[in-house]
Amino acid sequence: MRNLNDTLNRLSALRSKIAPGATGCAGADRLSDLPAFSSNPGALRGRFYVPQSLGSSAALVVVLHGCTQNAAGYDHGSGWSQLADEQGFALLYPEQQRCNNPNLCFNWFNTGDTQRDCGEALSIRQMVAAMVAEHAIDPARIFVTGLSAGGAMTSVMLATYPDVFAGGAIIAGLPYGTAASIPEAFDRMRAHGGPPAAALGGLVTGASPHKGPWPRISVWHGDSDATVSHANSALIVEQWRAIHGIACERTAVEHVDGHLRNVWRDAHGRDVIEEYCIGGLGHGTPLSTSGANACGVPGPYMLEAGISSTRRIASFWGLVTAQAERRPEPALLPSPGMAVPANHREAQSRPQRASRHVERIIEDALRAAGLMR
């Protein structure tokens, strides 16, 4: 692992390249403020969206924004409230505050915020309880998703409160419990060091007294992500594969909207883990912003990819009434963590290039991972 001086020098160099104004997608704020809730030890702001179509025993999706973003900007870019209007579920957006992190990153590597009943993790849990009580949410249909530092914080919530969440989706994130300091977090983003793969599951089982059943997991990562290594996708899969007690080998492999999807099923034939490798995608949330299934608006870290992660994740959780057709692929395909073949990559990379040009300017490992308290 790098020594602290080396890490600080690297972070200083990265900070000098930050472009001003990278605060997420601009747009109308559709969210409301959550009234005061419990002790809020993490000092987070709570925001939420409830569509007019919300009925009793509705589902709740908790959405965690990335660094330099806020809740309203991430909602506008990802299209979650648009989908909530269509499908009738509620949304909760915990929002980081500058007093906790100057770059608005969730503190995913800080042990005081990543343990059950502590810090930011407890604040998010308290927000969920407030939404359940106020809006008659079905406690068996609560889900969590997030991007980058929000994706890493999604791993935290799934590990520390697996009794609360029926499923989770980690976008360009990291596995739980692999970093407990700034230098470690910086290394893990590059997939350097960390516990052996065989120990990853134990980090989750040791984070709470829960003994199962376990949340279903959806993992999304661009194979051209220069901020959080795509190798972390395989590590997240390995962490949860061990928890679910399923074989290493994928149960199914297919292409969805031109992108590789790997599936692991449990003994009952249920899809419990899925992994999307998005060919040519940099660091951000994959969007499809044209056609009948358009959802979201492109911007910094909100990247056109020809596939809507928002819709696909909701479908995986059973929140969408109809799915687009999927095309099975031949058995010989790249293994998890490998790039999609060049012909697929080229087709998907063209709509990325403009966004990736902006991304290269504003992408900052410190901000993207929450490496400054």
Protein backbone atom coordinates (compact mmCIF):
# COMPACT_ATOMS: atom_id res chain seq x y z
CA MET A 1 0.00 0.00 0.00
CA ARG A 2 1.20 3.52 -0.72
CA ASN A 3 2.52 5.57 2.19
CA LEU A 4 0.52 8.58 3.35
CA ASN A 5 2.80 11.22 1.83
CA ASP A 6 2.55 9.59 -1.58
CA THR A 7 -1.22 9.42 -1.31
CA LEU A 8 -1.53 13.07 -0.26
CA ASN A 9 0.69 14.15 -3.15
CA ARG A 10 -1.49 12.22 -5.59
CA LEU A 11 -4.66 13.71 -4.16
CA SER A 12 -3.23 17.22 -4.34
CA ALA A 13 -2.42 16.72 -8.00
CA LEU A 14 -5.90 15.41 -8.71
CA ARG A 15 -7.57 18.30 -6.88
CA SER A 16 -5.69 20.78 -9.06
CA LYS A 17 -7.50 19.35 -12.12
CA ILE A 18 -11.03 19.70 -10.74
CA ALA A 19 -13.33 21.76 -12.92
CA PRO A 20 -15.61 24.17 -11.05
CA GLY A 21 -19.34 23.65 -11.09
CA ALA A 22 -19.41 19.85 -11.31
CA THR A 23 -22.49 19.61 -9.13
CA GLY A 24 -24.57 17.15 -11.13
CA CYS A 25 -27.36 17.64 -13.60
CA ALA A 26 -29.29 20.88 -13.48
CA GLY A 27 -33.05 20.62 -13.66
CA ALA A 28 -36.29 21.06 -11.79
CA ASP A 29 -36.18 19.86 -8.19
CA ARG A 30 -39.01 17.35 -7.81
CA LEU A 31 -38.05 16.33 -4.29
CA SER A 32 -39.48 17.35 -0.93
CA ASP A 33 -37.68 17.68 2.40
CA LEU A 34 -38.09 14.87 4.89
CA PRO A 35 -39.22 16.26 8.26
CA ALA A 36 -36.91 15.88 11.24
CA PHE A 37 -36.24 12.19 11.90
CA SER A 38 -34.81 10.65 15.05
CA SER A 39 -31.23 11.41 16.18
CA ASN A 40 -29.61 11.67 12.71
CA PRO A 41 -26.05 10.99 13.94
CA GLY A 42 -24.63 11.33 10.43
CA ALA A 43 -26.10 14.84 10.02
CA LEU A 44 -27.53 14.01 6.59
CA ARG A 45 -30.38 15.80 4.85
CA GLY A 46 -33.38 13.70 3.91
CA ARG A 47 -35.30 14.26 0.67
CA PHE A 48 -38.09 12.18 -0.86
CA TYR A 49 -40.53 11.80 -3.73
CA VAL A 50 -43.99 10.27 -3.54
CA PRO A 51 -45.96 9.99 -6.82
CA GLN A 52 -49.68 10.67 -6.93
CA SER A 53 -50.19 7.03 -7.88
CA LEU A 54 -48.66 5.73 -4.62
CA GLY A 55 -50.96 3.21 -2.99
CA SER A 56 -50.83 1.31 0.28
CA SER A 57 -48.00 -1.18 0.79
CA ALA A 58 -45.93 0.48 -1.94
CA ALA A 59 -42.23 -0.17 -2.49
CA LEU A 60 -39.47 2.27 -1.50
CA VAL A 61 -36.20 2.87 -3.37
CA VAL A 62 -33.36 4.59 -1.51
CA VAL A 63 -31.07 6.45 -3.94
CA LEU A 64 -27.56 7.60 -2.98
CA HIS A 65 -25.94 10.26 -5.17
CA GLY A 66 -22.26 10.42 -6.09
CA CYS A 67 -19.63 12.99 -5.15
CA THR A 68 -20.14 16.61 -6.29
CA GLN A 69 -23.81 15.74 -6.81
CA ASN A 70 -26.94 16.41 -4.82
CA ALA A 71 -30.20 14.52 -4.53
CA ALA A 72 -32.21 16.65 -6.97
CA GLY A 73 -29.47 16.57 -9.61
CA TYR A 74 -29.10 12.81 -9.39
CA ASP A 75 -32.84 12.32 -9.60
CA HIS A 76 -33.03 14.53 -12.69
CA GLY A 77 -30.16 12.72 -14.38
CA SER A 78 -31.13 9.15 -13.50
CA GLY A 79 -34.88 9.50 -14.06
CA TRP A 80 -35.89 7.68 -10.89
CA SER A 81 -38.85 9.96 -10.15
CA GLN A 82 -40.01 9.59 -13.77
CA LEU A 83 -40.08 5.83 -13.28
CA ALA A 84 -41.75 6.23 -9.88
CA ASP A 85 -44.58 8.14 -11.59
CA GLU A 86 -44.98 5.29 -14.08
CA GLN A 87 -44.78 2.39 -11.65
CA GLY A 88 -46.10 3.82 -8.36
CA PHE A 89 -43.27 3.45 -5.84
CA ALA A 90 -41.74 5.96 -3.40
CA LEU A 91 -38.21 7.37 -3.39
CA LEU A 92 -35.91 8.39 -0.55
CA TYR A 93 -32.82 10.48 -1.27
CA PRO A 94 -30.37 10.85 1.62
CA GLU A 95 -28.21 13.87 0.81
CA GLN A 96 -24.69 14.56 2.00
CA GLN A 97 -23.87 17.94 3.56
CA ARG A 98 -20.69 19.96 3.14
CA CYS A 99 -20.18 20.04 6.90
CA ASN A 100 -19.60 16.26 6.68
CA ASN A 101 -17.69 16.17 3.40
CA PRO A 102 -16.63 19.24 1.37
CA ASN A 103 -17.16 17.34 -1.87
CA LEU A 104 -20.61 15.99 -0.91
CA CYS A 105 -19.34 12.40 -0.86
CA PHE A 106 -20.81 9.81 1.46
CA ASN A 107 -18.04 8.74 3.83
CA TRP A 108 -18.00 5.11 2.69
CA PHE A 109 -14.53 4.34 4.08
CA ASN A 110 -14.91 5.99 7.51
CA THR A 111 -15.58 3.29 10.11
CA GLY A 112 -17.64 5.71 12.21
CA ASP A 113 -20.13 5.97 9.32
CA THR A 114 -20.09 2.42 8.00
CA GLN A 115 -21.11 0.29 10.97
CA ARG A 116 -24.60 -0.78 11.99
CA ASP A 117 -26.28 1.78 14.25
CA CYS A 118 -23.54 4.37 13.72
CA GLY A 119 -23.06 7.62 11.80
CA GLU A 120 -24.31 8.01 8.25
CA ALA A 121 -25.47 4.40 8.01
CA LEU A 122 -27.80 4.88 10.99
CA SER A 123 -29.08 8.20 9.64
CA ILE A 124 -30.11 6.49 6.39
CA ARG A 125 -31.75 3.67 8.35
CA GLN A 126 -33.69 6.23 10.40
CA MET A 127 -34.88 7.95 7.21
CA VAL A 128 -36.15 4.62 5.90
CA ALA A 129 -38.09 4.05 9.13
CA ALA A 130 -39.64 7.53 8.83
CA MET A 131 -40.75 6.85 5.24
CA VAL A 132 -42.24 3.47 6.17
CA ALA A 133 -44.26 5.02 8.99
CA GLU A 134 -45.44 8.09 7.08
CA HIS A 135 -46.27 6.54 3.70
CA ALA A 136 -47.38 2.98 4.56
CA ILE A 137 -44.40 1.45 2.75
CA ASP A 138 -44.26 -2.34 2.47
CA PRO A 139 -41.27 -3.25 4.72
CA ALA A 140 -40.59 -6.29 2.54
CA ARG A 141 -40.09 -4.10 -0.57
CA ILE A 142 -37.33 -1.66 0.34
CA PHE A 143 -34.35 -1.33 -2.01
CA VAL A 144 -31.17 0.76 -2.22
CA THR A 145 -28.96 1.94 -5.08
CA GLY A 146 -26.16 4.43 -5.60
CA LEU A 147 -23.35 5.66 -7.85
CA SER A 148 -19.62 5.73 -7.05
CA ALA A 149 -19.26 6.88 -3.41
CA GLY A 150 -23.04 6.38 -3.28
CA GLY A 151 -22.48 2.90 -4.70
CA ALA A 152 -19.90 2.16 -2.02
CA MET A 153 -22.38 3.47 0.56
CA THR A 154 -25.00 1.16 -0.97
CA SER A 155 -22.62 -1.71 -0.15
CA VAL A 156 -22.47 -0.36 3.40
CA MET A 157 -26.26 -0.30 3.78
CA LEU A 158 -26.69 -3.79 2.32
CA ALA A 159 -24.05 -5.21 4.66
CA THR A 160 -25.08 -3.42 7.85
CA TYR A 161 -28.87 -3.64 7.34
CA PRO A 162 -29.53 -6.75 5.21
CA ASP A 163 -32.69 -7.25 7.27
CA VAL A 164 -34.06 -3.95 5.90
CA PHE A 165 -33.32 -4.22 2.17
CA ALA A 166 -34.79 -6.77 -0.24
CA GLY A 167 -32.29 -5.78 -2.92
CA GLY A 168 -29.52 -3.41 -3.87
CA ALA A 169 -27.82 -2.04 -6.98
CA ILE A 170 -24.21 -0.86 -6.92
CA ILE A 171 -23.11 1.35 -9.82
CA ALA A 172 -19.35 1.97 -10.25
CA GLY A 173 -18.90 1.19 -6.57
CA LEU A 174 -16.83 -1.02 -4.29
CA PRO A 175 -17.40 -4.01 -1.99
CA TYR A 176 -18.10 -3.49 1.68
CA GLY A 177 -15.46 -3.24 4.37
CA THR A 178 -12.29 -3.21 2.29
CA ALA A 179 -11.04 0.28 3.26
CA ALA A 180 -10.77 2.01 6.62
CA SER A 181 -8.47 4.93 5.79
CA ILE A 182 -7.73 7.45 3.06
CA PRO A 183 -4.73 5.56 1.62
CA GLU A 184 -6.67 2.28 1.65
CA ALA A 185 -9.66 3.85 -0.06
CA PHE A 186 -7.46 5.31 -2.77
CA ASP A 187 -5.85 1.92 -3.37
CA ARG A 188 -9.15 0.02 -3.40
CA MET A 189 -10.52 2.34 -6.07
CA ARG A 190 -7.69 1.07 -8.26
CA ALA A 191 -8.34 -2.50 -7.07
CA HIS A 192 -4.96 -2.56 -5.32
CA GLY A 193 -4.60 -4.61 -2.15
CA GLY A 194 -7.49 -5.43 0.12
CA PRO A 195 -8.65 -8.69 1.66
CA PRO A 196 -8.42 -11.92 -0.34
CA ALA A 197 -11.54 -12.79 -2.31
CA ALA A 198 -12.35 -15.65 0.03
CA ALA A 199 -12.63 -13.23 2.96
CA LEU A 200 -15.04 -10.75 1.35
CA GLY A 201 -18.21 -12.59 2.33
CA GLY A 202 -17.15 -12.67 5.97
CA LEU A 203 -17.02 -8.88 6.03
CA VAL A 204 -20.77 -8.82 5.34
CA THR A 205 -21.76 -11.62 7.71
CA GLY A 206 -19.78 -9.90 10.45
CA ALA A 207 -21.48 -6.52 9.93
CA SER A 208 -24.85 -7.47 11.48
CA PRO A 209 -26.50 -10.29 13.44
CA HIS A 210 -28.64 -11.15 10.39
CA LYS A 211 -28.57 -14.78 9.22
CA GLY A 212 -30.64 -14.48 6.04
CA PRO A 213 -32.44 -14.32 3.72
CA TRP A 214 -30.09 -11.97 1.89
CA PRO A 215 -30.74 -9.09 -0.53
CA ARG A 216 -30.63 -9.60 -4.31
CA ILE A 217 -27.72 -7.71 -5.87
CA SER A 218 -27.38 -5.87 -9.19
CA VAL A 219 -23.87 -4.69 -10.13
CA TRP A 220 -23.14 -2.17 -12.91
CA HIS A 221 -19.74 -0.97 -14.10
CA GLY A 222 -18.23 0.55 -17.24
CA ASP A 223 -15.24 -1.32 -18.60
CA SER A 224 -13.52 2.01 -19.38
CA ASP A 225 -13.93 3.46 -15.87
CA ALA A 226 -10.69 5.27 -15.00
CA THR A 227 -11.86 6.40 -11.55
CA VAL A 228 -13.07 3.19 -9.89
CA SER A 229 -11.49 0.12 -11.46
CA HIS A 230 -13.87 -2.24 -13.23
CA ALA A 231 -12.17 -5.03 -11.26
CA ASN A 232 -14.28 -3.94 -8.29
CA SER A 233 -17.36 -5.27 -10.07
CA ALA A 234 -16.04 -8.82 -9.84
CA LEU A 235 -15.11 -8.27 -6.18
CA ILE A 236 -18.66 -7.17 -5.35
CA VAL A 237 -20.03 -10.24 -7.12
CA GLU A 238 -17.61 -12.45 -5.20
CA GLN A 239 -18.62 -10.88 -1.89
CA TRP A 240 -22.30 -11.57 -2.44
CA ARG A 241 -21.84 -14.89 -4.20
CA ALA A 242 -20.29 -16.16 -0.98
CA ILE A 243 -23.20 -14.77 1.05
CA HIS A 244 -25.78 -16.46 -1.15
CA GLY A 245 -23.77 -19.70 -1.16
CA ILE A 246 -23.83 -20.11 -4.94
CA ALA A 247 -21.22 -21.49 -7.32
CA CYS A 248 -18.51 -19.36 -8.89
CA GLU A 249 -19.68 -20.14 -12.41
CA ARG A 250 -22.34 -17.93 -13.94
CA THR A 251 -25.73 -19.55 -14.37
CA ALA A 252 -26.61 -17.53 -17.46
CA VAL A 253 -24.92 -15.13 -19.87
CA GLU A 254 -26.70 -12.85 -22.30
CA HIS A 255 -26.63 -9.48 -24.00
CA VAL A 256 -29.15 -6.85 -22.99
CA ASP A 257 -29.33 -3.79 -25.26
CA GLY A 258 -25.90 -4.77 -26.55
CA HIS A 259 -24.22 -5.10 -23.14
CA LEU A 260 -23.00 -8.18 -21.33
CA ARG A 261 -25.15 -9.44 -18.45
CA ASN A 262 -23.97 -12.26 -16.18
CA VAL A 263 -26.43 -14.00 -13.86
CA TRP A 264 -26.06 -16.19 -10.78
CA ARG A 265 -29.10 -18.16 -9.58
CA ASP A 266 -29.75 -19.81 -6.24
CA ALA A 267 -30.87 -23.39 -5.62
CA HIS A 268 -34.47 -22.36 -6.29
CA GLY A 269 -33.63 -20.99 -9.73
CA ARG A 270 -34.05 -17.35 -8.65
CA ASP A 271 -31.74 -14.67 -10.07
CA VAL A 272 -29.98 -13.40 -6.94
CA ILE A 273 -26.97 -11.64 -8.51
CA GLU A 274 -26.66 -9.92 -11.86
CA GLU A 275 -23.64 -8.09 -13.26
CA TYR A 276 -23.69 -5.69 -16.22
CA CYS A 277 -20.44 -4.90 -18.01
CA ILE A 278 -21.09 -1.71 -19.99
CA GLY A 279 -18.78 -1.63 -22.99
CA GLY A 280 -16.93 1.66 -23.53
CA LEU A 281 -18.52 3.36 -20.49
CA GLY A 282 -16.47 5.60 -18.23
CA HIS A 283 -17.35 6.55 -14.65
CA GLY A 284 -21.07 7.19 -14.29
CA THR A 285 -24.64 5.95 -14.35
CA PRO A 286 -25.64 4.26 -17.64
CA LEU A 287 -28.62 5.91 -19.34
CA SER A 288 -30.84 5.40 -22.36
CA THR A 289 -32.31 8.78 -23.26
CA SER A 290 -34.11 8.03 -26.53
CA GLY A 291 -36.80 5.66 -27.69
CA ALA A 292 -39.80 4.22 -25.91
CA ASN A 293 -37.85 3.38 -22.75
CA ALA A 294 -36.01 6.70 -22.44
CA CYS A 295 -35.24 7.59 -18.84
CA GLY A 296 -32.99 10.34 -17.47
CA VAL A 297 -30.89 13.20 -18.81
CA PRO A 298 -27.15 13.06 -19.72
CA GLY A 299 -24.66 15.16 -17.79
CA PRO A 300 -21.50 14.79 -15.68
CA TYR A 301 -21.40 11.18 -14.45
CA MET A 302 -24.79 10.57 -16.11
CA LEU A 303 -23.75 8.85 -19.34
CA GLU A 304 -25.66 7.83 -22.45
CA ALA A 305 -25.06 4.11 -22.94
CA GLY A 306 -28.07 2.85 -24.87
CA ILE A 307 -29.29 1.03 -21.76
CA SER A 308 -31.25 2.42 -18.81
CA SER A 309 -29.73 1.17 -15.57
CA THR A 310 -32.65 2.78 -13.74
CA ARG A 311 -35.27 0.75 -15.61
CA ARG A 312 -33.24 -2.47 -15.60
CA ILE A 313 -32.52 -2.27 -11.88
CA ALA A 314 -36.17 -1.63 -11.07
CA SER A 315 -37.12 -4.56 -13.30
CA PHE A 316 -34.64 -6.86 -11.53
CA TRP A 317 -36.32 -5.94 -8.23
CA GLY A 318 -39.80 -6.62 -9.63
CA LEU A 319 -40.87 -2.96 -9.65
CA VAL A 320 -41.49 -2.69 -13.41
CA THR A 321 -44.50 -4.39 -14.95
CA ALA A 322 -42.93 -5.06 -18.38
CA GLN A 323 -39.40 -5.92 -19.49
CA ALA A 324 -37.78 -5.38 -22.83
CA GLU A 325 -36.78 -8.47 -24.77
CA ARG A 326 -33.41 -10.03 -23.95
CA ARG A 327 -31.33 -11.94 -26.46
CA PRO A 328 -29.40 -14.97 -25.16
CA GLU A 329 -25.81 -15.24 -26.35
CA PRO A 330 -23.67 -18.24 -27.31
CA ALA A 331 -21.92 -20.01 -24.45
CA LEU A 332 -18.45 -18.69 -25.32
CA LEU A 333 -18.42 -15.14 -24.01
CA PRO A 334 -15.97 -13.04 -22.02
CA SER A 335 -15.70 -14.03 -18.38
CA PRO A 336 -16.78 -11.56 -15.67
CA GLY A 337 -14.47 -8.56 -15.54
CA MET A 338 -13.31 -8.86 -19.15
CA ALA A 339 -14.17 -6.35 -21.84
CA VAL A 340 -16.95 -6.90 -24.33
CA PRO A 341 -15.60 -7.84 -27.81
CA ALA A 342 -14.43 -4.93 -29.94
CA ASN A 343 -17.42 -4.94 -32.29
CA HIS A 344 -19.80 -4.49 -29.36
CA ARG A 345 -17.54 -1.96 -27.65
CA GLU A 346 -17.32 0.24 -30.74
CA ALA A 347 -21.07 0.28 -31.22
CA GLN A 348 -21.63 1.37 -27.65
CA SER A 349 -18.66 3.75 -27.30
CA ARG A 350 -19.74 6.25 -29.94
CA PRO A 351 -22.49 7.90 -27.85
CA GLN A 352 -20.06 8.04 -24.90
CA ARG A 353 -17.28 10.12 -26.41
CA ALA A 354 -18.60 13.61 -25.73
CA SER A 355 -19.48 12.71 -22.14
CA ARG A 356 -16.14 11.00 -21.61
CA HIS A 357 -14.32 14.13 -22.77
CA VAL A 358 -16.04 16.13 -20.00
CA GLU A 359 -15.49 13.26 -17.58
CA ARG A 360 -11.72 13.24 -18.09
CA ILE A 361 -11.57 16.89 -17.09
CA ILE A 362 -13.75 16.74 -13.98
CA GLU A 363 -13.17 13.20 -12.80
CA ASP A 364 -11.39 13.26 -9.50
CA ALA A 365 -10.61 10.21 -7.45
CA LEU A 366 -10.87 12.21 -4.24
CA ARG A 367 -14.36 13.43 -5.02
CA ALA A 368 -15.55 10.26 -6.68
CA ALA A 369 -14.70 8.14 -3.63
CA GLY A 370 -15.12 10.52 -0.71
CA LEU A 371 -11.45 10.65 0.20
CA MET A 372 -11.66 13.93 2.17
CA ARG A 373 -13.58 14.17 5.41
